[in-house]
Structure formats: structure tokens, C-alpha cells
Amino acid sequence: AGGTTGACSWTLSGYPGTGTYTLTISG
């Protein structure tokens, strides 16, 4: 569902079938 990217974290959200995702970078 997510992980780290450098000093930050990432998460992917969305819903199957919508065809779109939101990528969130935090930290």
C-alpha cells in the first residue's frame, strides 16, 4: 500500500475500477 522514498513516505489510494489513483508523498 505504500513505503518509503528517501526521507519521506508514499501511499497510493483509489478504488478498483475507477481507473485513477492518488499518490501522496508525506514526511
PDB file of all heavy atoms in Angstrom:
ATOM      1  N   ALA A   1       0.826  -1.216   0.000  1.00  0.00           N
ATOM      2  CA  ALA A   1       0.000   0.000   0.000  1.00  0.00           C
ATOM      3  C   ALA A   1       0.852   1.254   0.000  1.00  0.00           C
ATOM      4  O   ALA A   1       0.378   2.339  -0.308  1.00  0.00           O
ATOM      5  CB  ALA A   1      -0.921   0.006   1.210  1.00  0.00           C
ATOM      6  N   GLY A   2       2.099   1.147   0.345  1.00  0.00           N
ATOM      7  CA  GLY A   2       2.970   2.314   0.392  1.00  0.00           C
ATOM      8  C   GLY A   2       4.344   1.894   0.882  1.00  0.00           C
ATOM      9  O   GLY A   2       4.639   0.709   1.028  1.00  0.00           O
ATOM     10  N   GLY A   3       5.211   2.898   1.094  1.00  0.00           N
ATOM     11  CA  GLY A   3       6.549   2.600   1.543  1.00  0.00           C
ATOM     12  C   GLY A   3       7.330   3.891   1.717  1.00  0.00           C
ATOM     13  O   GLY A   3       6.749   4.967   1.896  1.00  0.00           O
ATOM     14  N   THR A   4       8.609   3.780   1.697  1.00  0.00           N
ATOM     15  CA  THR A   4       9.467   4.965   1.889  1.00  0.00           C
ATOM     16  C   THR A   4      10.071   5.391   0.574  1.00  0.00           C
ATOM     17  O   THR A   4      10.275   4.570  -0.329  1.00  0.00           O
ATOM     18  CB  THR A   4      10.591   4.656   2.886  1.00  0.00           C
ATOM     19  OG1 THR A   4      11.382   3.579   2.374  1.00  0.00           O
ATOM     20  CG2 THR A   4      10.022   4.270   4.244  1.00  0.00           C
ATOM     21  N   THR A   5      10.336   6.661   0.480  1.00  0.00           N
ATOM     22  CA  THR A   5      11.042   7.230  -0.665  1.00  0.00           C
ATOM     23  C   THR A   5      11.982   8.304  -0.131  1.00  0.00           C
ATOM     24  O   THR A   5      11.558   9.424   0.168  1.00  0.00           O
ATOM     25  CB  THR A   5      10.074   7.810  -1.725  1.00  0.00           C
ATOM     26  OG1 THR A   5      10.837   8.522  -2.683  1.00  0.00           O
ATOM     27  CG2 THR A   5       9.008   8.699  -1.128  1.00  0.00           C
ATOM     28  N   GLY A   6      13.228   7.940   0.067  1.00  0.00           N
ATOM     29  CA  GLY A   6      14.184   8.844   0.706  1.00  0.00           C
ATOM     30  C   GLY A   6      13.815   9.053   2.161  1.00  0.00           C
ATOM     31  O   GLY A   6      13.555   8.081   2.896  1.00  0.00           O
ATOM     32  N   ALA A   7      13.741  10.327   2.607  1.00  0.00           N
ATOM     33  CA  ALA A   7      13.362  10.650   3.985  1.00  0.00           C
ATOM     34  C   ALA A   7      11.856  10.715   4.137  1.00  0.00           C
ATOM     35  O   ALA A   7      11.359  11.002   5.245  1.00  0.00           O
ATOM     36  CB  ALA A   7      13.996  11.988   4.382  1.00  0.00           C
ATOM     37  N   CYS A   8      11.119  10.433   3.088  1.00  0.00           N
ATOM     38  CA  CYS A   8       9.659  10.583   3.095  1.00  0.00           C
ATOM     39  C   CYS A   8       8.965   9.223   2.933  1.00  0.00           C
ATOM     40  O   CYS A   8       9.613   8.196   2.772  1.00  0.00           O
ATOM     41  CB  CYS A   8       9.235  11.529   1.967  1.00  0.00           C
ATOM     42  SG  CYS A   8      10.019  13.161   2.039  1.00  0.00           S
ATOM     43  N   SER A   9       7.655   9.249   2.980  1.00  0.00           N
ATOM     44  CA  SER A   9       6.828   8.053   2.779  1.00  0.00           C
ATOM     45  C   SER A   9       5.879   8.290   1.599  1.00  0.00           C
ATOM     46  O   SER A   9       5.538   9.431   1.264  1.00  0.00           O
ATOM     47  CB  SER A   9       6.013   7.753   4.041  1.00  0.00           C
ATOM     48  OG  SER A   9       6.858   7.512   5.149  1.00  0.00           O
ATOM     49  N   TRP A  10       5.417   7.183   0.995  1.00  0.00           N
ATOM     50  CA  TRP A  10       4.422   7.300  -0.083  1.00  0.00           C
ATOM     51  C   TRP A  10       3.254   6.351   0.165  1.00  0.00           C
ATOM     52  O   TRP A  10       3.401   5.278   0.751  1.00  0.00           O
ATOM     53  CB  TRP A  10       5.033   7.015  -1.460  1.00  0.00           C
ATOM     54  CG  TRP A  10       5.463   5.566  -1.653  1.00  0.00           C
ATOM     55  CD1 TRP A  10       6.639   5.016  -1.310  1.00  0.00           C
ATOM     56  CD2 TRP A  10       4.663   4.514  -2.213  1.00  0.00           C
ATOM     57  NE1 TRP A  10       6.679   3.695  -1.598  1.00  0.00           N
ATOM     58  CE2 TRP A  10       5.459   3.345  -2.198  1.00  0.00           C
ATOM     59  CE3 TRP A  10       3.386   4.434  -2.736  1.00  0.00           C
ATOM     60  CZ2 TRP A  10       5.012   2.124  -2.652  1.00  0.00           C
ATOM     61  CZ3 TRP A  10       2.939   3.217  -3.212  1.00  0.00           C
ATOM     62  CH2 TRP A  10       3.736   2.072  -3.173  1.00  0.00           C
ATOM     63  N   THR A  11       2.084   6.755  -0.228  1.00  0.00           N
ATOM     64  CA  THR A  11       0.888   5.906  -0.138  1.00  0.00           C
ATOM     65  C   THR A  11       0.086   6.092  -1.426  1.00  0.00           C
ATOM     66  O   THR A  11       0.094   7.151  -2.047  1.00  0.00           O
ATOM     67  CB  THR A  11       0.007   6.282   1.061  1.00  0.00           C
ATOM     68  OG1 THR A  11      -0.355   7.668   0.975  1.00  0.00           O
ATOM     69  CG2 THR A  11       0.716   6.011   2.376  1.00  0.00           C
ATOM     70  N   LEU A  12      -0.605   4.989  -1.792  1.00  0.00           N
ATOM     71  CA  LEU A  12      -1.416   5.012  -3.012  1.00  0.00           C
ATOM     72  C   LEU A  12      -2.860   4.764  -2.610  1.00  0.00           C
ATOM     73  O   LEU A  12      -3.162   3.845  -1.838  1.00  0.00           O
ATOM     74  CB  LEU A  12      -0.939   3.909  -3.962  1.00  0.00           C
ATOM     75  CG  LEU A  12      -1.394   3.985  -5.409  1.00  0.00           C
ATOM     76  CD1 LEU A  12      -0.799   5.229  -6.081  1.00  0.00           C
ATOM     77  CD2 LEU A  12      -0.952   2.731  -6.168  1.00  0.00           C
ATOM     78  N   SER A  13      -3.742   5.590  -3.093  1.00  0.00           N
ATOM     79  CA  SER A  13      -5.158   5.426  -2.769  1.00  0.00           C
ATOM     80  C   SER A  13      -5.988   5.508  -4.043  1.00  0.00           C
ATOM     81  O   SER A  13      -5.568   6.066  -5.052  1.00  0.00           O
ATOM     82  CB  SER A  13      -5.600   6.506  -1.777  1.00  0.00           C
ATOM     83  OG  SER A  13      -5.410   7.806  -2.318  1.00  0.00           O
ATOM     84  N   GLY A  14      -7.136   4.936  -3.952  1.00  0.00           N
ATOM     85  CA  GLY A  14      -8.039   4.898  -5.111  1.00  0.00           C
ATOM     86  C   GLY A  14      -9.015   3.757  -4.941  1.00  0.00           C
ATOM     87  O   GLY A  14      -9.144   3.170  -3.853  1.00  0.00           O
ATOM     88  N   TYR A  15      -9.714   3.392  -6.004  1.00  0.00           N
ATOM     89  CA  TYR A  15     -10.701   2.324  -5.885  1.00  0.00           C
ATOM     90  C   TYR A  15     -10.691   1.502  -7.175  1.00  0.00           C
ATOM     91  O   TYR A  15     -10.679   2.064  -8.272  1.00  0.00           O
ATOM     92  CB  TYR A  15     -12.101   2.911  -5.650  1.00  0.00           C
ATOM     93  CG  TYR A  15     -13.111   1.869  -5.255  1.00  0.00           C
ATOM     94  CD1 TYR A  15     -13.190   1.407  -3.946  1.00  0.00           C
ATOM     95  CD2 TYR A  15     -13.960   1.321  -6.209  1.00  0.00           C
ATOM     96  CE1 TYR A  15     -14.119   0.435  -3.599  1.00  0.00           C
ATOM     97  CE2 TYR A  15     -14.883   0.355  -5.863  1.00  0.00           C
ATOM     98  CZ  TYR A  15     -14.957  -0.089  -4.567  1.00  0.00           C
ATOM     99  OH  TYR A  15     -15.866  -1.052  -4.225  1.00  0.00           O
ATOM    100  N   PRO A  16     -10.684   0.179  -7.073  1.00  0.00           N
ATOM    101  CA  PRO A  16     -10.639  -0.640  -8.288  1.00  0.00           C
ATOM    102  C   PRO A  16     -11.791  -0.303  -9.239  1.00  0.00           C
ATOM    103  O   PRO A  16     -12.916  -0.147  -8.820  1.00  0.00           O
ATOM    104  CB  PRO A  16     -10.773  -2.078  -7.763  1.00  0.00           C
ATOM    105  CG  PRO A  16     -10.307  -1.998  -6.358  1.00  0.00           C
ATOM    106  CD  PRO A  16     -10.703  -0.629  -5.864  1.00  0.00           C
ATOM    107  N   GLY A  17     -11.473  -0.162 -10.466  1.00  0.00           N
ATOM    108  CA  GLY A  17     -12.488   0.117 -11.467  1.00  0.00           C
ATOM    109  C   GLY A  17     -12.616   1.582 -11.807  1.00  0.00           C
ATOM    110  O   GLY A  17     -13.128   1.921 -12.862  1.00  0.00           O
ATOM    111  N   THR A  18     -12.137   2.467 -10.950  1.00  0.00           N
ATOM    112  CA  THR A  18     -12.234   3.893 -11.273  1.00  0.00           C
ATOM    113  C   THR A  18     -11.192   4.277 -12.301  1.00  0.00           C
ATOM    114  O   THR A  18     -11.353   5.252 -13.027  1.00  0.00           O
ATOM    115  CB  THR A  18     -12.032   4.749 -10.017  1.00  0.00           C
ATOM    116  OG1 THR A  18     -10.706   4.540  -9.511  1.00  0.00           O
ATOM    117  CG2 THR A  18     -13.048   4.388  -8.935  1.00  0.00           C
ATOM    118  N   GLY A  19     -10.096   3.532 -12.323  1.00  0.00           N
ATOM    119  CA  GLY A  19      -9.047   3.835 -13.285  1.00  0.00           C
ATOM    120  C   GLY A  19      -8.143   4.973 -12.877  1.00  0.00           C
ATOM    121  O   GLY A  19      -7.272   5.380 -13.650  1.00  0.00           O
ATOM    122  N   THR A  20      -8.300   5.489 -11.681  1.00  0.00           N
ATOM    123  CA  THR A  20      -7.457   6.601 -11.226  1.00  0.00           C
ATOM    124  C   THR A  20      -6.941   6.317  -9.826  1.00  0.00           C
ATOM    125  O   THR A  20      -7.603   5.670  -9.009  1.00  0.00           O
ATOM    126  CB  THR A  20      -8.247   7.912 -11.208  1.00  0.00           C
ATOM    127  OG1 THR A  20      -9.354   7.811 -10.298  1.00  0.00           O
ATOM    128  CG2 THR A  20      -8.764   8.256 -12.599  1.00  0.00           C
ATOM    129  N   TYR A  21      -5.714   6.810  -9.582  1.00  0.00           N
ATOM    130  CA  TYR A  21      -5.105   6.688  -8.257  1.00  0.00           C
ATOM    131  C   TYR A  21      -4.582   8.054  -7.822  1.00  0.00           C
ATOM    132  O   TYR A  21      -4.261   8.917  -8.653  1.00  0.00           O
ATOM    133  CB  TYR A  21      -3.922   5.711  -8.283  1.00  0.00           C
ATOM    134  CG  TYR A  21      -4.311   4.290  -8.644  1.00  0.00           C
ATOM    135  CD1 TYR A  21      -3.938   3.744  -9.864  1.00  0.00           C
ATOM    136  CD2 TYR A  21      -5.030   3.500  -7.749  1.00  0.00           C
ATOM    137  CE1 TYR A  21      -4.276   2.444 -10.202  1.00  0.00           C
ATOM    138  CE2 TYR A  21      -5.376   2.205  -8.085  1.00  0.00           C
ATOM    139  CZ  TYR A  21      -5.000   1.685  -9.303  1.00  0.00           C
ATOM    140  OH  TYR A  21      -5.354   0.399  -9.626  1.00  0.00           O
ATOM    141  N   THR A  22      -4.471   8.186  -6.500  1.00  0.00           N
ATOM    142  CA  THR A  22      -3.852   9.381  -5.904  1.00  0.00           C
ATOM    143  C   THR A  22      -2.599   8.949  -5.166  1.00  0.00           C
ATOM    144  O   THR A  22      -2.659   8.072  -4.287  1.00  0.00           O
ATOM    145  CB  THR A  22      -4.807  10.085  -4.933  1.00  0.00           C
ATOM    146  OG1 THR A  22      -5.959  10.536  -5.654  1.00  0.00           O
ATOM    147  CG2 THR A  22      -4.119  11.281  -4.268  1.00  0.00           C
ATOM    148  N   LEU A  23      -1.458   9.553  -5.526  1.00  0.00           N
ATOM    149  CA  LEU A  23      -0.181   9.264  -4.877  1.00  0.00           C
ATOM    150  C   LEU A  23       0.127  10.400  -3.899  1.00  0.00           C
ATOM    151  O   LEU A  23       0.176  11.568  -4.296  1.00  0.00           O
ATOM    152  CB  LEU A  23       0.927   9.166  -5.923  1.00  0.00           C
ATOM    153  CG  LEU A  23       2.346   8.947  -5.390  1.00  0.00           C
ATOM    154  CD1 LEU A  23       2.463   7.616  -4.628  1.00  0.00           C
ATOM    155  CD2 LEU A  23       3.363   9.006  -6.537  1.00  0.00           C
ATOM    156  N   THR A  24       0.316  10.009  -2.654  1.00  0.00           N
ATOM    157  CA  THR A  24       0.586  11.012  -1.621  1.00  0.00           C
ATOM    158  C   THR A  24       1.995  10.815  -1.067  1.00  0.00           C
ATOM    159  O   THR A  24       2.368   9.696  -0.680  1.00  0.00           O
ATOM    160  CB  THR A  24      -0.427  10.894  -0.473  1.00  0.00           C
ATOM    161  OG1 THR A  24      -1.759  11.072  -1.011  1.00  0.00           O
ATOM    162  CG2 THR A  24      -0.156  11.961   0.585  1.00  0.00           C
ATOM    163  N   ILE A  25       2.798  11.922  -1.087  1.00  0.00           N
ATOM    164  CA  ILE A  25       4.151  11.922  -0.518  1.00  0.00           C
ATOM    165  C   ILE A  25       4.109  12.754   0.772  1.00  0.00           C
ATOM    166  O   ILE A  25       3.657  13.908   0.759  1.00  0.00           O
ATOM    167  CB  ILE A  25       5.178  12.532  -1.485  1.00  0.00           C
ATOM    168  CG1 ILE A  25       5.069  11.857  -2.881  1.00  0.00           C
ATOM    169  CG2 ILE A  25       6.583  12.402  -0.922  1.00  0.00           C
ATOM    170  CD1 ILE A  25       5.386  10.393  -2.887  1.00  0.00           C
ATOM    171  N   SER A  26       4.564  12.144   1.876  1.00  0.00           N
ATOM    172  CA  SER A  26       4.499  12.863   3.171  1.00  0.00           C
ATOM    173  C   SER A  26       5.795  12.675   3.940  1.00  0.00           C
ATOM    174  O   SER A  26       6.645  11.853   3.564  1.00  0.00           O
ATOM    175  CB  SER A  26       3.319  12.346   3.993  1.00  0.00           C
ATOM    176  OG  SER A  26       3.460  10.946   4.241  1.00  0.00           O
ATOM    177  N   GLY A  27       5.941  13.451   5.016  1.00  0.00           N
ATOM    178  CA  GLY A  27       7.143  13.347   5.848  1.00  0.00           C
ATOM    179  C   GLY A  27       7.947  14.631   5.821  1.00  0.00           C
ATOM    180  O   GLY A  27       7.498  15.666   5.301  1.00  0.00           O
TER     181      GLY A  27
END
